[in-house]
């Protein structure tokens, strides 16, 4: 499992000539990093003097980010598995007309799944951005820039995942499916960029001397 590798071994595997793990898995990793970092900020707030009013929000945030951390970790491998399934379908026999039809249908179905997995990453990362915004706004002020880095990692998870959604949609014949995912992807991207900008603009304004 990719998620069980050391950081160095994982990076070495990314750097090799194999196509997996690729951008989709890295987008999921970005989501996991955002989850972990926002959890840290919440934990640096919980129980701290002066942040009693934020206690309940931070406890709730921590519950969500820890759940998402596990889900993003699983998606690192799930994305690579989806790519491998598409690749395997291209190796199916295509001697007879029946084999060609079966191969084509299998490729289409596997490619749909290869689009849905990164879309799942993007959806989860977008949801988490709202939590990160709360953590940054109400959390330990000494860690507000860590929350910002978490927000940027979440945005990278969204944009990277959506690129992988779109490249897979280009190979699909089901136009209704393609239109549905394209529309959702556009909305997710716009919302993610807006949420990141709102937080960074506010924090950078506060940090100016």
Protein backbone atom coordinates (compact mmCIF):
# COMPACT_ATOMS: atom_id res chain seq x y z
CA UNK A 1 0.00 0.00 0.00
CA UNK A 2 1.30 3.43 -0.92
CA UNK A 3 0.05 4.88 2.35
CA UNK A 4 2.26 2.49 4.30
CA UNK A 5 5.51 3.68 2.69
CA UNK A 6 7.92 6.04 4.41
CA UNK A 7 7.88 9.59 3.11
CA UNK A 8 11.17 9.03 1.28
CA UNK A 9 10.07 5.73 -0.26
CA UNK A 10 6.79 7.29 -1.38
CA UNK A 11 8.59 10.21 -3.01
CA UNK A 12 11.03 7.85 -4.69
CA UNK A 13 8.09 5.89 -6.08
CA UNK A 14 6.46 9.06 -7.38
CA UNK A 15 9.74 10.06 -9.02
CA UNK A 16 10.20 6.78 -10.90
CA UNK A 17 8.99 6.14 -14.45
CA UNK A 18 5.80 4.29 -13.45
CA UNK A 19 2.61 6.32 -14.05
CA UNK A 20 1.31 5.57 -10.56
CA UNK A 21 1.23 7.10 -8.08
CA UNK A 22 0.48 10.15 -10.17
CA UNK A 23 -1.32 13.45 -9.84
CA UNK A 24 -4.52 11.96 -8.48
CA UNK A 25 -2.76 10.25 -5.61
CA UNK A 26 -0.77 13.41 -4.91
CA UNK A 27 -4.02 15.42 -4.78
CA UNK A 28 -5.28 12.96 -2.15
CA UNK A 29 -2.00 13.37 -0.28
CA UNK A 30 -2.49 17.14 -0.36
CA UNK A 31 -5.87 16.57 1.24
CA UNK A 32 -4.32 14.38 3.91
CA UNK A 33 -1.69 17.02 4.66
CA UNK A 34 -4.38 19.68 4.95
CA UNK A 35 -6.31 17.44 7.31
CA UNK A 36 -3.31 16.76 9.51
CA UNK A 37 -2.22 20.39 9.67
CA UNK A 38 -5.68 21.71 10.49
CA UNK A 39 -5.97 19.05 13.19
CA UNK A 40 -2.74 20.35 14.68
CA UNK A 41 -4.10 23.89 14.84
CA UNK A 42 -7.28 22.67 16.53
CA UNK A 43 -5.24 20.74 19.09
CA UNK A 44 -3.06 23.77 19.76
CA UNK A 45 -6.26 25.60 20.66
CA UNK A 46 -8.12 23.03 22.74
CA UNK A 47 -7.57 23.57 26.46
CA UNK A 48 -5.60 26.77 25.98
CA UNK A 49 -6.24 29.80 28.15
CA UNK A 50 -8.05 32.54 26.30
CA UNK A 51 -9.67 30.15 23.83
CA UNK A 52 -12.39 28.72 26.04
CA UNK A 53 -15.09 30.09 23.71
CA UNK A 54 -13.55 28.15 20.81
CA UNK A 55 -13.35 24.83 22.62
CA UNK A 56 -16.51 23.28 21.20
CA UNK A 57 -15.76 24.40 17.65
CA UNK A 58 -12.21 23.05 17.84
CA UNK A 59 -13.36 19.70 19.24
CA UNK A 60 -15.87 19.39 16.41
CA UNK A 61 -13.29 20.47 13.83
CA UNK A 62 -10.82 17.90 15.11
CA UNK A 63 -13.41 15.14 14.76
CA UNK A 64 -14.03 16.08 11.14
CA UNK A 65 -10.39 16.57 10.12
CA UNK A 66 -9.28 13.29 11.67
CA UNK A 67 -12.03 11.43 9.81
CA UNK A 68 -11.04 13.15 6.58
CA UNK A 69 -7.39 12.34 7.22
CA UNK A 70 -8.19 8.62 7.18
CA UNK A 71 -10.36 9.03 4.08
CA UNK A 72 -7.71 10.93 2.14
CA UNK A 73 -5.07 8.35 3.06
CA UNK A 74 -7.31 5.63 1.64
CA UNK A 75 -7.87 7.69 -1.51
CA UNK A 76 -4.12 7.83 -2.21
CA UNK A 77 -4.24 4.12 -3.01
CA UNK A 78 -7.79 4.19 -4.39
CA UNK A 79 -6.78 6.64 -7.12
CA UNK A 80 -3.80 4.56 -8.18
CA UNK A 81 -5.98 1.44 -8.19
CA UNK A 82 -8.50 3.18 -10.46
CA UNK A 83 -5.77 4.07 -12.94
CA UNK A 84 -4.42 0.52 -12.88
CA UNK A 85 -7.91 -0.81 -13.64
CA UNK A 86 -8.17 1.38 -16.75
CA UNK A 87 -4.74 0.23 -17.86
CA UNK A 88 -5.74 -3.41 -17.31
CA UNK A 89 -8.85 -2.96 -19.45
CA UNK A 90 -6.73 -1.80 -22.39
CA UNK A 91 -4.94 -5.16 -22.21
CA UNK A 92 -8.17 -7.15 -22.68
CA UNK A 93 -8.38 -9.28 -25.85
CA UNK A 94 -9.79 -7.64 -28.98
CA UNK A 95 -9.68 -10.38 -31.60
CA UNK A 96 -13.41 -10.82 -32.19
CA UNK A 97 -16.19 -8.26 -32.43
CA UNK A 98 -17.57 -9.53 -29.13
CA UNK A 99 -14.20 -9.11 -27.44
CA UNK A 100 -13.83 -5.63 -28.89
CA UNK A 101 -17.26 -4.61 -27.60
CA UNK A 102 -16.58 -6.06 -24.16
CA UNK A 103 -13.19 -4.36 -24.03
CA UNK A 104 -14.63 -1.02 -25.03
CA UNK A 105 -17.39 -1.25 -22.42
CA UNK A 106 -14.89 -2.21 -19.73
CA UNK A 107 -12.63 0.72 -20.61
CA UNK A 108 -15.55 3.13 -20.45
CA UNK A 109 -16.70 1.83 -17.07
CA UNK A 110 -13.19 1.87 -15.60
CA UNK A 111 -12.64 5.40 -16.92
CA UNK A 112 -15.84 6.56 -15.23
CA UNK A 113 -14.51 5.22 -11.95
CA UNK A 114 -11.16 6.89 -12.62
CA UNK A 115 -13.04 10.20 -12.88
CA UNK A 116 -15.22 9.59 -9.81
CA UNK A 117 -12.32 8.86 -7.46
CA UNK A 118 -10.60 12.25 -7.86
CA UNK A 119 -14.02 13.92 -7.77
CA UNK A 120 -14.43 12.35 -4.34
CA UNK A 121 -11.09 13.89 -3.34
CA UNK A 122 -12.21 17.30 -4.58
CA UNK A 123 -15.55 17.12 -2.79
CA UNK A 124 -13.95 16.17 0.52
CA UNK A 125 -11.24 18.80 0.22
CA UNK A 126 -13.83 21.48 -0.51
CA UNK A 127 -15.87 20.46 2.53
CA UNK A 128 -12.76 20.60 4.67
CA UNK A 129 -11.99 24.15 3.57
CA UNK A 130 -14.98 25.39 5.56
CA UNK A 131 -13.63 23.64 8.65
CA UNK A 132 -10.16 25.09 8.06
CA UNK A 133 -11.68 28.58 7.80
CA UNK A 134 -13.27 28.12 11.23
CA UNK A 135 -10.02 26.79 12.68
CA UNK A 136 -8.12 29.78 11.30
CA UNK A 137 -10.70 32.29 12.51
CA UNK A 138 -11.22 30.92 16.03
CA UNK A 139 -8.05 28.92 16.65
CA UNK A 140 -4.74 29.69 18.30
CA UNK A 141 -3.45 32.91 16.73
CA UNK A 142 0.12 31.66 16.93
CA UNK A 143 -0.84 28.92 14.48
CA UNK A 144 -2.97 30.94 12.09
CA UNK A 145 -0.39 30.68 9.30
CA UNK A 146 -0.41 26.89 9.72
CA UNK A 147 -4.14 27.02 9.11
CA UNK A 148 -3.44 29.06 5.98
CA UNK A 149 -0.99 26.44 4.72
CA UNK A 150 -3.68 23.83 5.39
CA UNK A 151 -6.10 25.88 3.33
CA UNK A 152 -3.61 26.14 0.46
CA UNK A 153 -2.99 22.38 0.58
CA UNK A 154 -6.74 21.79 0.47
CA UNK A 155 -7.05 24.07 -2.55
CA UNK A 156 -4.23 22.17 -4.25
CA UNK A 157 -6.07 18.94 -3.49
CA UNK A 158 -9.20 20.33 -5.13
CA UNK A 159 -7.52 21.70 -8.26
CA UNK A 160 -5.23 18.72 -8.73
CA UNK A 161 -8.09 16.27 -8.32
CA UNK A 162 -10.31 18.16 -10.75
CA UNK A 163 -7.62 18.08 -13.43
CA UNK A 164 -7.68 14.31 -13.14
CA UNK A 165 -11.46 14.32 -13.35
CA UNK A 166 -11.38 16.35 -16.55
CA UNK A 167 -8.72 14.34 -18.34
CA UNK A 168 -10.76 11.18 -17.79
CA UNK A 169 -13.99 12.83 -18.95
CA UNK A 170 -12.36 13.46 -22.32
CA UNK A 171 -12.36 9.73 -23.02
CA UNK A 172 -16.00 9.06 -22.14
CA UNK A 173 -18.91 8.64 -24.54
CA UNK A 174 -21.68 9.10 -21.96
CA UNK A 175 -22.34 12.80 -22.56
CA UNK A 176 -24.86 13.16 -19.73
CA UNK A 177 -22.30 11.77 -17.26
CA UNK A 178 -19.62 14.06 -18.68
CA UNK A 179 -21.80 17.18 -18.47
CA UNK A 180 -22.85 16.40 -14.92
CA UNK A 181 -19.27 15.99 -13.70
CA UNK A 182 -17.98 18.97 -15.69
CA UNK A 183 -20.62 21.22 -14.16
CA UNK A 184 -19.88 20.02 -10.64
CA UNK A 185 -16.13 20.34 -11.18
CA UNK A 186 -16.47 23.94 -12.32
CA UNK A 187 -18.56 24.84 -9.28
CA UNK A 188 -16.17 23.11 -6.87
CA UNK A 189 -13.16 24.88 -8.38
CA UNK A 190 -14.73 28.32 -8.18
CA UNK A 191 -15.83 27.80 -4.59
CA UNK A 192 -12.46 26.44 -3.48
CA UNK A 193 -10.54 29.36 -4.97
CA UNK A 194 -12.92 31.82 -3.35
CA UNK A 195 -12.61 30.22 0.08
CA UNK A 196 -8.83 30.21 -0.08
CA UNK A 197 -8.70 33.84 -1.20
CA UNK A 198 -11.05 34.98 1.56
CA UNK A 199 -8.88 33.42 4.26
CA UNK A 200 -5.52 34.48 2.84
CA UNK A 201 -6.69 38.04 2.23
CA UNK A 202 -7.93 38.34 5.82
CA UNK A 203 -4.84 36.82 7.41
CA UNK A 204 -2.37 38.74 5.25
CA UNK A 205 -4.18 41.93 6.19
CA UNK A 206 -3.82 41.08 9.88
CA UNK A 207 -0.12 40.21 9.47
CA UNK A 208 0.84 43.47 7.81
CA UNK A 209 2.82 45.80 10.08
